[in-house]
Amino acid sequence: MSVLAPTPPERMVDAKGRPYFLWDEDITLDVFRRRLADPDPEVRAYYLGKLMRQAKPDDVFSFATLREIGELFPLLVRYLGHTREFWIWVLDQWKVVPRGAG
């Protein structure tokens, strides 16, 4: 049994297929998923950081694993904005990033 409550798929995107958390960028969910899989870690970090900043925390785990977040954390932390302290605390509690990371 999962304790997460992710957004249902039919409510994740608008009529154009744009995810709610990408309100400031005109790309579809499919394009977003491709960017999360980009071979360039900087591209992956930017979009994962944006996801972590703008989406419900539960929705983050529909797109990324804790391992992926931990591996990219040094690159993505700069994109977390006002959610930075929250994510540092959560990931420290789960032992994904070392205490004081970021």
PDB file of N, CA and C in Angstrom:
ATOM      1  N   MET A   1       0.844  -1.181   0.000  1.00  0.00           N
ATOM      2  CA  MET A   1       0.000   0.000   0.000  1.00  0.00           C
ATOM      3  C   MET A   1       0.887   1.241   0.000  1.00  0.00           C
ATOM      4  N   SER A   2       0.611   2.131  -0.906  1.00  0.00           N
ATOM      5  CA  SER A   2       1.402   3.353  -1.038  1.00  0.00           C
ATOM      6  C   SER A   2       0.810   4.461  -0.180  1.00  0.00           C
ATOM      7  N   VAL A   3       1.683   5.256   0.400  1.00  0.00           N
ATOM      8  CA  VAL A   3       1.214   6.408   1.171  1.00  0.00           C
ATOM      9  C   VAL A   3       1.197   7.665   0.312  1.00  0.00           C
ATOM     10  N   LEU A   4       1.640   7.550  -0.925  1.00  0.00           N
ATOM     11  CA  LEU A   4       1.636   8.694  -1.830  1.00  0.00           C
ATOM     12  C   LEU A   4       0.263   8.864  -2.466  1.00  0.00           C
ATOM     13  N   ALA A   5      -0.051  10.092  -2.803  1.00  0.00           N
ATOM     14  CA  ALA A   5      -1.319  10.401  -3.470  1.00  0.00           C
ATOM     15  C   ALA A   5      -1.032  11.214  -4.729  1.00  0.00           C
ATOM     16  N   PRO A   6      -0.493  10.565  -5.767  1.00  0.00           N
ATOM     17  CA  PRO A   6      -0.175  11.310  -6.989  1.00  0.00           C
ATOM     18  C   PRO A   6      -1.432  11.776  -7.713  1.00  0.00           C
ATOM     19  N   THR A   7      -1.263  12.810  -8.491  1.00  0.00           N
ATOM     20  CA  THR A   7      -2.352  13.338  -9.310  1.00  0.00           C
ATOM     21  C   THR A   7      -2.757  12.275 -10.330  1.00  0.00           C
ATOM     22  N   PRO A   8      -4.060  12.023 -10.487  1.00  0.00           N
ATOM     23  CA  PRO A   8      -4.496  11.051 -11.499  1.00  0.00           C
ATOM     24  C   PRO A   8      -4.052  11.499 -12.893  1.00  0.00           C
ATOM     25  N   PRO A   9      -3.696  10.544 -13.758  1.00  0.00           N
ATOM     26  CA  PRO A   9      -3.197  10.892 -15.101  1.00  0.00           C
ATOM     27  C   PRO A   9      -4.106  11.835 -15.874  1.00  0.00           C
ATOM     28  N   GLU A  10      -5.405  11.652 -15.763  1.00  0.00           N
ATOM     29  CA  GLU A  10      -6.332  12.506 -16.517  1.00  0.00           C
ATOM     30  C   GLU A  10      -6.362  13.946 -16.004  1.00  0.00           C
ATOM     31  N   ARG A  11      -5.832  14.186 -14.806  1.00  0.00           N
ATOM     32  CA  ARG A  11      -5.787  15.542 -14.260  1.00  0.00           C
ATOM     33  C   ARG A  11      -4.381  16.133 -14.311  1.00  0.00           C
ATOM     34  N   MET A  12      -3.419  15.354 -14.762  1.00  0.00           N
ATOM     35  CA  MET A  12      -2.018  15.780 -14.799  1.00  0.00           C
ATOM     36  C   MET A  12      -1.757  16.818 -15.886  1.00  0.00           C
ATOM     37  N   VAL A  13      -2.510  16.754 -16.987  1.00  0.00           N
ATOM     38  CA  VAL A  13      -2.243  17.626 -18.130  1.00  0.00           C
ATOM     39  C   VAL A  13      -3.470  18.445 -18.508  1.00  0.00           C
ATOM     40  N   ASP A  14      -3.209  19.553 -19.212  1.00  0.00           N
ATOM     41  CA  ASP A  14      -4.308  20.378 -19.717  1.00  0.00           C
ATOM     42  C   ASP A  14      -4.751  19.851 -21.087  1.00  0.00           C
ATOM     43  N   ALA A  15      -5.634  20.571 -21.742  1.00  0.00           N
ATOM     44  CA  ALA A  15      -6.188  20.134 -23.035  1.00  0.00           C
ATOM     45  C   ALA A  15      -5.115  19.985 -24.116  1.00  0.00           C
ATOM     46  N   LYS A  16      -3.999  20.694 -23.975  1.00  0.00           N
ATOM     47  CA  LYS A  16      -2.908  20.612 -24.953  1.00  0.00           C
ATOM     48  C   LYS A  16      -1.875  19.542 -24.591  1.00  0.00           C
ATOM     49  N   GLY A  17      -2.092  18.838 -23.484  1.00  0.00           N
ATOM     50  CA  GLY A  17      -1.144  17.816 -23.060  1.00  0.00           C
ATOM     51  C   GLY A  17      -0.004  18.342 -22.215  1.00  0.00           C
ATOM     52  N   ARG A  18      -0.109  19.599 -21.766  1.00  0.00           N
ATOM     53  CA  ARG A  18       0.945  20.211 -20.950  1.00  0.00           C
ATOM     54  C   ARG A  18       0.698  19.886 -19.476  1.00  0.00           C
ATOM     55  N   PRO A  19       1.706  19.378 -18.769  1.00  0.00           N
ATOM     56  CA  PRO A  19       1.544  19.084 -17.345  1.00  0.00           C
ATOM     57  C   PRO A  19       1.289  20.362 -16.535  1.00  0.00           C
ATOM     58  N   TYR A  20       0.494  20.233 -15.482  1.00  0.00           N
ATOM     59  CA  TYR A  20       0.150  21.395 -14.653  1.00  0.00           C
ATOM     60  C   TYR A  20       1.377  22.074 -14.060  1.00  0.00           C
ATOM     61  N   PHE A  21       2.436  21.327 -13.820  1.00  0.00           N
ATOM     62  CA  PHE A  21       3.621  21.901 -13.192  1.00  0.00           C
ATOM     63  C   PHE A  21       4.552  22.581 -14.191  1.00  0.00           C
ATOM     64  N   LEU A  22       4.209  22.525 -15.467  1.00  0.00           N
ATOM     65  CA  LEU A  22       4.983  23.243 -16.487  1.00  0.00           C
ATOM     66  C   LEU A  22       4.150  24.377 -17.063  1.00  0.00           C
ATOM     67  N   TRP A  23       3.462  25.078 -16.204  1.00  0.00           N
ATOM     68  CA  TRP A  23       2.593  26.187 -16.598  1.00  0.00           C
ATOM     69  C   TRP A  23       3.366  27.280 -17.327  1.00  0.00           C
ATOM     70  N   ASP A  24       4.671  27.364 -17.111  1.00  0.00           N
ATOM     71  CA  ASP A  24       5.490  28.431 -17.694  1.00  0.00           C
ATOM     72  C   ASP A  24       6.238  27.996 -18.953  1.00  0.00           C
ATOM     73  N   GLU A  25       5.961  26.793 -19.434  1.00  0.00           N
ATOM     74  CA  GLU A  25       6.670  26.269 -20.600  1.00  0.00           C
ATOM     75  C   GLU A  25       5.682  25.462 -21.440  1.00  0.00           C
ATOM     76  N   ASP A  26       5.697  25.676 -22.726  1.00  0.00           N
ATOM     77  CA  ASP A  26       4.725  25.027 -23.603  1.00  0.00           C
ATOM     78  C   ASP A  26       5.292  23.731 -24.179  1.00  0.00           C
ATOM     79  N   ILE A  27       5.371  22.690 -23.325  1.00  0.00           N
ATOM     80  CA  ILE A  27       5.802  21.373 -23.786  1.00  0.00           C
ATOM     81  C   ILE A  27       4.822  20.324 -23.267  1.00  0.00           C
ATOM     82  N   THR A  28       4.748  19.224 -23.975  1.00  0.00           N
ATOM     83  CA  THR A  28       3.842  18.146 -23.584  1.00  0.00           C
ATOM     84  C   THR A  28       4.498  17.255 -22.534  1.00  0.00           C
ATOM     85  N   LEU A  29       3.698  16.407 -21.953  1.00  0.00           N
ATOM     86  CA  LEU A  29       4.199  15.440 -20.982  1.00  0.00           C
ATOM     87  C   LEU A  29       5.217  14.500 -21.630  1.00  0.00           C
ATOM     88  N   ASP A  30       4.976  14.116 -22.876  1.00  0.00           N
ATOM     89  CA  ASP A  30       5.929  13.244 -23.576  1.00  0.00           C
ATOM     90  C   ASP A  30       7.283  13.921 -23.761  1.00  0.00           C
ATOM     91  N   VAL A  31       7.276  15.183 -24.148  1.00  0.00           N
ATOM     92  CA  VAL A  31       8.536  15.926 -24.306  1.00  0.00           C
ATOM     93  C   VAL A  31       9.232  16.050 -22.952  1.00  0.00           C
ATOM     94  N   PHE A  32       8.462  16.334 -21.913  1.00  0.00           N
ATOM     95  CA  PHE A  32       9.031  16.431 -20.565  1.00  0.00           C
ATOM     96  C   PHE A  32       9.712  15.115 -20.172  1.00  0.00           C
ATOM     97  N   ARG A  33       9.047  14.003 -20.404  1.00  0.00           N
ATOM     98  CA  ARG A  33       9.634  12.694 -20.071  1.00  0.00           C
ATOM     99  C   ARG A  33      10.940  12.466 -20.850  1.00  0.00           C
ATOM    100  N   ARG A  34      10.975  12.875 -22.106  1.00  0.00           N
ATOM    101  CA  ARG A  34      12.211  12.732 -22.897  1.00  0.00           C
ATOM    102  C   ARG A  34      13.332  13.579 -22.307  1.00  0.00           C
ATOM    103  N   ARG A  35      12.990  14.748 -21.824  1.00  0.00           N
ATOM    104  CA  ARG A  35      14.022  15.611 -21.227  1.00  0.00           C
ATOM    105  C   ARG A  35      14.545  15.024 -19.919  1.00  0.00           C
ATOM    106  N   LEU A  36      13.699  14.337 -19.182  1.00  0.00           N
ATOM    107  CA  LEU A  36      14.167  13.665 -17.965  1.00  0.00           C
ATOM    108  C   LEU A  36      15.096  12.496 -18.289  1.00  0.00           C
ATOM    109  N   ALA A  37      15.036  12.006 -19.515  1.00  0.00           N
ATOM    110  CA  ALA A  37      15.888  10.893 -19.952  1.00  0.00           C
ATOM    111  C   ALA A  37      17.028  11.359 -20.854  1.00  0.00           C
ATOM    112  N   ASP A  38      17.206  12.663 -20.991  1.00  0.00           N
ATOM    113  CA  ASP A  38      18.241  13.214 -21.868  1.00  0.00           C
ATOM    114  C   ASP A  38      19.625  12.692 -21.451  1.00  0.00           C
ATOM    115  N   PRO A  39      20.513  12.448 -22.409  1.00  0.00           N
ATOM    116  CA  PRO A  39      21.858  11.990 -22.050  1.00  0.00           C
ATOM    117  C   PRO A  39      22.678  13.038 -21.289  1.00  0.00           C
ATOM    118  N   ASP A  40      22.319  14.298 -21.420  1.00  0.00           N
ATOM    119  CA  ASP A  40      23.042  15.373 -20.736  1.00  0.00           C
ATOM    120  C   ASP A  40      22.507  15.519 -19.304  1.00  0.00           C
ATOM    121  N   PRO A  41      23.340  15.271 -18.284  1.00  0.00           N
ATOM    122  CA  PRO A  41      22.865  15.382 -16.905  1.00  0.00           C
ATOM    123  C   PRO A  41      22.390  16.788 -16.533  1.00  0.00           C
ATOM    124  N   GLU A  42      22.919  17.813 -17.185  1.00  0.00           N
ATOM    125  CA  GLU A  42      22.459  19.181 -16.907  1.00  0.00           C
ATOM    126  C   GLU A  42      21.002  19.365 -17.326  1.00  0.00           C
ATOM    127  N   VAL A  43      20.632  18.798 -18.467  1.00  0.00           N
ATOM    128  CA  VAL A  43      19.240  18.876 -18.936  1.00  0.00           C
ATOM    129  C   VAL A  43      18.338  18.114 -17.974  1.00  0.00           C
ATOM    130  N   ARG A  44      18.750  16.901 -17.609  1.00  0.00           N
ATOM    131  CA  ARG A  44      17.951  16.108 -16.661  1.00  0.00           C
ATOM    132  C   ARG A  44      17.802  16.838 -15.339  1.00  0.00           C
ATOM    133  N   ALA A  45      18.888  17.426 -14.842  1.00  0.00           N
ATOM    134  CA  ALA A  45      18.849  18.132 -13.561  1.00  0.00           C
ATOM    135  C   ALA A  45      17.922  19.339 -13.620  1.00  0.00           C
ATOM    136  N   TYR A  46      17.967  20.086 -14.708  1.00  0.00           N
ATOM    137  CA  TYR A  46      17.099  21.260 -14.841  1.00  0.00           C
ATOM    138  C   TYR A  46      15.633  20.851 -14.756  1.00  0.00           C
ATOM    139  N   TYR A  47      15.250  19.841 -15.526  1.00  0.00           N
ATOM    140  CA  TYR A  47      13.840  19.453 -15.552  1.00  0.00           C
ATOM    141  C   TYR A  47      13.414  18.712 -14.286  1.00  0.00           C
ATOM    142  N   LEU A  48      14.295  17.946 -13.699  1.00  0.00           N
ATOM    143  CA  LEU A  48      13.952  17.299 -12.435  1.00  0.00           C
ATOM    144  C   LEU A  48      13.833  18.344 -11.327  1.00  0.00           C
ATOM    145  N   GLY A  49      14.734  19.315 -11.311  1.00  0.00           N
ATOM    146  CA  GLY A  49      14.637  20.404 -10.336  1.00  0.00           C
ATOM    147  C   GLY A  49      13.362  21.208 -10.507  1.00  0.00           C
ATOM    148  N   LYS A  50      12.995  21.453 -11.748  1.00  0.00           N
ATOM    149  CA  LYS A  50      11.755  22.183 -12.036  1.00  0.00           C
ATOM    150  C   LYS A  50      10.542  21.388 -11.555  1.00  0.00           C
ATOM    151  N   LEU A  51      10.556  20.090 -11.810  1.00  0.00           N
ATOM    152  CA  LEU A  51       9.490  19.214 -11.325  1.00  0.00           C
ATOM    153  C   LEU A  51       9.396  19.284  -9.802  1.00  0.00           C
ATOM    154  N   MET A  52      10.526  19.160  -9.129  1.00  0.00           N
ATOM    155  CA  MET A  52      10.539  19.178  -7.668  1.00  0.00           C
ATOM    156  C   MET A  52      10.093  20.529  -7.119  1.00  0.00           C
ATOM    157  N   ARG A  53      10.356  21.591  -7.831  1.00  0.00           N
ATOM    158  CA  ARG A  53       9.973  22.938  -7.399  1.00  0.00           C
ATOM    159  C   ARG A  53       8.494  23.216  -7.623  1.00  0.00           C
ATOM    160  N   GLN A  54       7.929  22.745  -8.726  1.00  0.00           N
ATOM    161  CA  GLN A  54       6.602  23.194  -9.140  1.00  0.00           C
ATOM    162  C   GLN A  54       5.489  22.152  -9.012  1.00  0.00           C
ATOM    163  N   ALA A  55       5.833  20.889  -8.851  1.00  0.00           N
ATOM    164  CA  ALA A  55       4.802  19.848  -8.752  1.00  0.00           C
ATOM    165  C   ALA A  55       4.535  19.503  -7.289  1.00  0.00           C
ATOM    166  N   LYS A  56       3.415  18.833  -7.066  1.00  0.00           N
ATOM    167  CA  LYS A  56       3.162  18.256  -5.746  1.00  0.00           C
ATOM    168  C   LYS A  56       4.283  17.268  -5.456  1.00  0.00           C
ATOM    169  N   PRO A  57       4.792  17.247  -4.231  1.00  0.00           N
ATOM    170  CA  PRO A  57       5.861  16.285  -3.926  1.00  0.00           C
ATOM    171  C   PRO A  57       5.501  14.846  -4.307  1.00  0.00           C
ATOM    172  N   ASP A  58       4.266  14.437  -4.091  1.00  0.00           N
ATOM    173  CA  ASP A  58       3.869  13.069  -4.443  1.00  0.00           C
ATOM    174  C   ASP A  58       4.001  12.806  -5.939  1.00  0.00           C
ATOM    175  N   ASP A  59       3.812  13.829  -6.759  1.00  0.00           N
ATOM    176  CA  ASP A  59       3.909  13.657  -8.209  1.00  0.00           C
ATOM    177  C   ASP A  59       5.350  13.497  -8.678  1.00  0.00           C
ATOM    178  N   VAL A  60       6.289  13.999  -7.911  1.00  0.00           N
ATOM    179  CA  VAL A  60       7.702  13.876  -8.288  1.00  0.00           C
ATOM    180  C   VAL A  60       8.063  12.407  -8.491  1.00  0.00           C
ATOM    181  N   PHE A  61       7.533  11.547  -7.625  1.00  0.00           N
ATOM    182  CA  PHE A  61       7.915  10.137  -7.662  1.00  0.00           C
ATOM    183  C   PHE A  61       7.188   9.343  -8.745  1.00  0.00           C
ATOM    184  N   SER A  62       6.337  10.015  -9.494  1.00  0.00           N
ATOM    185  CA  SER A  62       5.765   9.405 -10.698  1.00  0.00           C
ATOM    186  C   SER A  62       6.750   9.510 -11.858  1.00  0.00           C
ATOM    187  N   PHE A  63       7.769  10.360 -11.693  1.00  0.00           N
ATOM    188  CA  PHE A  63       8.715  10.633 -12.778  1.00  0.00           C
ATOM    189  C   PHE A  63      10.160  10.289 -12.444  1.00  0.00           C
ATOM    190  N   ALA A  64      10.485  10.176 -11.172  1.00  0.00           N
ATOM    191  CA  ALA A  64      11.880   9.951 -10.780  1.00  0.00           C
ATOM    192  C   ALA A  64      11.950   9.081  -9.533  1.00  0.00           C
ATOM    193  N   THR A  65      13.024   8.332  -9.443  1.00  0.00           N
ATOM    194  CA  THR A  65      13.266   7.514  -8.254  1.00  0.00           C
ATOM    195  C   THR A  65      14.129   8.302  -7.271  1.00  0.00           C
ATOM    196  N   LEU A  66      14.174   7.833  -6.034  1.00  0.00           N
ATOM    197  CA  LEU A  66      15.061   8.457  -5.056  1.00  0.00           C
ATOM    198  C   LEU A  66      16.515   8.364  -5.515  1.00  0.00           C
ATOM    199  N   ARG A  67      16.867   7.272  -6.127  1.00  0.00           N
ATOM    200  CA  ARG A  67      18.242   7.109  -6.614  1.00  0.00           C
ATOM    201  C   ARG A  67      18.577   8.175  -7.661  1.00  0.00           C
ATOM    202  N   GLU A  68      17.672   8.392  -8.614  1.00  0.00           N
ATOM    203  CA  GLU A  68      17.901   9.410  -9.649  1.00  0.00           C
ATOM    204  C   GLU A  68      18.022  10.797  -9.025  1.00  0.00           C
ATOM    205  N   ILE A  69      17.157  11.088  -8.073  1.00  0.00           N
ATOM    206  CA  ILE A  69      17.209  12.387  -7.396  1.00  0.00           C
ATOM    207  C   ILE A  69      18.536  12.542  -6.668  1.00  0.00           C
ATOM    208  N   GLY A  70      18.942  11.513  -5.938  1.00  0.00           N
ATOM    209  CA  GLY A  70      20.207  11.569  -5.208  1.00  0.00           C
ATOM    210  C   GLY A  70      21.403  11.762  -6.120  1.00  0.00           C
ATOM    211  N   GLU A  71      21.414  11.059  -7.243  1.00  0.00           N
ATOM    212  CA  GLU A  71      22.536  11.166  -8.179  1.00  0.00           C
ATOM    213  C   GLU A  71      22.625  12.547  -8.815  1.00  0.00           C
ATOM    214  N   LEU A  72      21.480  13.148  -9.105  1.00  0.00           N
ATOM    215  CA  LEU A  72      21.470  14.460  -9.766  1.00  0.00           C
ATOM    216  C   LEU A  72      21.424  15.627  -8.783  1.00  0.00           C
ATOM    217  N   PHE A  73      21.283  15.339  -7.496  1.00  0.00           N
ATOM    218  CA  PHE A  73      21.072  16.405  -6.524  1.00  0.00           C
ATOM    219  C   PHE A  73      22.108  17.526  -6.586  1.00  0.00           C
ATOM    220  N   PRO A  74      23.403  17.228  -6.689  1.00  0.00           N
ATOM    221  CA  PRO A  74      24.372  18.334  -6.759  1.00  0.00           C
ATOM    222  C   PRO A  74      24.115  19.288  -7.928  1.00  0.00           C
ATOM    223  N   LEU A  75      23.558  18.775  -9.020  1.00  0.00           N
ATOM    224  CA  LEU A  75      23.261  19.618 -10.181  1.00  0.00           C
ATOM    225  C   LEU A  75      21.890  20.273 -10.092  1.00  0.00           C
ATOM    226  N   LEU A  76      20.926  19.599  -9.487  1.00  0.00           N
ATOM    227  CA  LEU A  76      19.555  20.118  -9.505  1.00  0.00           C
ATOM    228  C   LEU A  76      19.219  21.031  -8.341  1.00  0.00           C
ATOM    229  N   VAL A  77      20.001  21.007  -7.274  1.00  0.00           N
ATOM    230  CA  VAL A  77      19.661  21.782  -6.077  1.00  0.00           C
ATOM    231  C   VAL A  77      19.479  23.267  -6.392  1.00  0.00           C
ATOM    232  N   ARG A  78      20.220  23.782  -7.337  1.00  0.00           N
ATOM    233  CA  ARG A  78      20.113  25.212  -7.671  1.00  0.00           C
ATOM    234  C   ARG A  78      18.781  25.573  -8.323  1.00  0.00           C
ATOM    235  N   TYR A  79      18.031  24.577  -8.783  1.00  0.00           N
ATOM    236  CA  TYR A  79      16.744  24.827  -9.439  1.00  0.00           C
ATOM    237  C   TYR A  79      15.546  24.657  -8.506  1.00  0.00           C
ATOM    238  N   LEU A  80      15.781  24.365  -7.252  1.00  0.00           N
ATOM    239  CA  LEU A  80      14.681  24.065  -6.332  1.00  0.00           C
ATOM    240  C   LEU A  80      13.970  25.291  -5.784  1.00  0.00           C
ATOM    241  N   GLY A  81      14.587  26.450  -5.883  1.00  0.00           N
ATOM    242  CA  GLY A  81      13.927  27.677  -5.436  1.00  0.00           C
ATOM    243  C   GLY A  81      13.441  27.599  -4.001  1.00  0.00           C
ATOM    244  N   HIS A  82      12.203  28.034  -3.783  1.00  0.00           N
ATOM    245  CA  HIS A  82      11.640  28.102  -2.430  1.00  0.00           C
ATOM    246  C   HIS A  82      11.407  26.724  -1.805  1.00  0.00           C
ATOM    247  N   THR A  83      11.518  25.664  -2.582  1.00  0.00           N
ATOM    248  CA  THR A  83      11.322  24.313  -2.040  1.00  0.00           C
ATOM    249  C   THR A  83      12.647  23.658  -1.627  1.00  0.00           C
ATOM    250  N   ARG A  84      13.724  24.373  -1.793  1.00  0.00           N
ATOM    251  CA  ARG A  84      15.061  23.821  -1.539  1.00  0.00           C
ATOM    252  C   ARG A  84      15.189  23.221  -0.138  1.00  0.00           C
ATOM    253  N   GLU A  85      14.837  23.987   0.884  1.00  0.00           N
ATOM    254  CA  GLU A  85      14.989  23.511   2.262  1.00  0.00           C
ATOM    255  C   GLU A  85      14.111  22.297   2.536  1.00  0.00           C
ATOM    256  N   PHE A  86      12.899  22.300   1.983  1.00  0.00           N
ATOM    257  CA  PHE A  86      12.015  21.137   2.141  1.00  0.00           C
ATOM    258  C   PHE A  86      12.674  19.884   1.586  1.00  0.00           C
ATOM    259  N   TRP A  87      13.158  19.968   0.345  1.00  0.00           N
ATOM    260  CA  TRP A  87      13.743  18.790  -0.287  1.00  0.00           C
ATOM    261  C   TRP A  87      15.028  18.357   0.404  1.00  0.00           C
ATOM    262  N   ILE A  88      15.832  19.291   0.840  1.00  0.00           N
ATOM    263  CA  ILE A  88      17.050  18.919   1.574  1.00  0.00           C
ATOM    264  C   ILE A  88      16.672  18.164   2.839  1.00  0.00           C
ATOM    265  N   TRP A  89      15.675  18.646   3.566  1.00  0.00           N
ATOM    266  CA  TRP A  89      15.234  17.986   4.792  1.00  0.00           C
ATOM    267  C   TRP A  89      14.688  16.590   4.496  1.00  0.00           C
ATOM    268  N   VAL A  90      13.773  16.486   3.524  1.00  0.00           N
ATOM    269  CA  VAL A  90      13.168  15.191   3.187  1.00  0.00           C
ATOM    270  C   VAL A  90      14.235  14.192   2.755  1.00  0.00           C
ATOM    271  N   LEU A  91      15.100  14.612   1.859  1.00  0.00           N
ATOM    272  CA  LEU A  91      16.108  13.691   1.333  1.00  0.00           C
ATOM    273  C   LEU A  91      17.144  13.325   2.385  1.00  0.00           C
ATOM    274  N   ASP A  92      17.395  14.214   3.335  1.00  0.00           N
ATOM    275  CA  ASP A  92      18.270  13.888   4.456  1.00  0.00           C
ATOM    276  C   ASP A  92      17.591  12.850   5.357  1.00  0.00           C
ATOM    277  N   GLN A  93      16.304  13.025   5.627  1.00  0.00           N
ATOM    278  CA  GLN A  93      15.567  12.062   6.455  1.00  0.00           C
ATOM    279  C   GLN A  93      15.596  10.669   5.839  1.00  0.00           C
ATOM    280  N   TRP A  94      15.518  10.602   4.536  1.00  0.00           N
ATOM    281  CA  TRP A  94      15.513   9.320   3.818  1.00  0.00           C
ATOM    282  C   TRP A  94      16.924   8.842   3.490  1.00  0.00           C
ATOM    283  N   LYS A  95      17.924   9.572   3.966  1.00  0.00           N
ATOM    284  CA  LYS A  95      19.331   9.209   3.752  1.00  0.00           C
ATOM    285  C   LYS A  95      19.707   9.141   2.272  1.00  0.00           C
ATOM    286  N   VAL A  96      19.101  10.032   1.484  1.00  0.00           N
ATOM    287  CA  VAL A  96      19.391  10.089   0.048  1.00  0.00           C
ATOM    288  C   VAL A  96      20.546  11.038  -0.225  1.00  0.00           C
ATOM    289  N   VAL A  97      20.602  12.114   0.539  1.00  0.00           N
ATOM    290  CA  VAL A  97      21.702  13.073   0.420  1.00  0.00           C
ATOM    291  C   VAL A  97      22.315  13.248   1.804  1.00  0.00           C
ATOM    292  N   PRO A  98      23.606  13.550   1.866  1.00  0.00           N
ATOM    293  CA  PRO A  98      24.234  13.736   3.169  1.00  0.00           C
ATOM    294  C   PRO A  98      23.714  14.979   3.875  1.00  0.00           C
ATOM    295  N   ARG A  99      23.715  14.931   5.195  1.00  0.00           N
ATOM    296  CA  ARG A  99      23.275  16.067   6.006  1.00  0.00           C
ATOM    297  C   ARG A  99      24.039  17.318   5.583  1.00  0.00           C
ATOM    298  N   GLY A 100      23.308  18.409   5.421  1.00  0.00           N
ATOM    299  CA  GLY A 100      23.912  19.672   5.032  1.00  0.00           C
ATOM    300  C   GLY A 100      24.169  19.808   3.543  1.00  0.00           C
ATOM    301  N   ALA A 101      23.701  18.850   2.758  1.00  0.00           N
ATOM    302  CA  ALA A 101      23.901  18.935   1.302  1.00  0.00           C
ATOM    303  C   ALA A 101      23.156  20.125   0.740  1.00  0.00           C
ATOM    304  N   GLY A 102      23.695  20.681  -0.303  1.00  0.00           N
ATOM    305  CA  GLY A 102      23.015  21.778  -0.981  1.00  0.00           C
ATOM    306  C   GLY A 102      23.396  23.082  -0.416  1.00  0.00           C
TER     307      GLY A 102
END
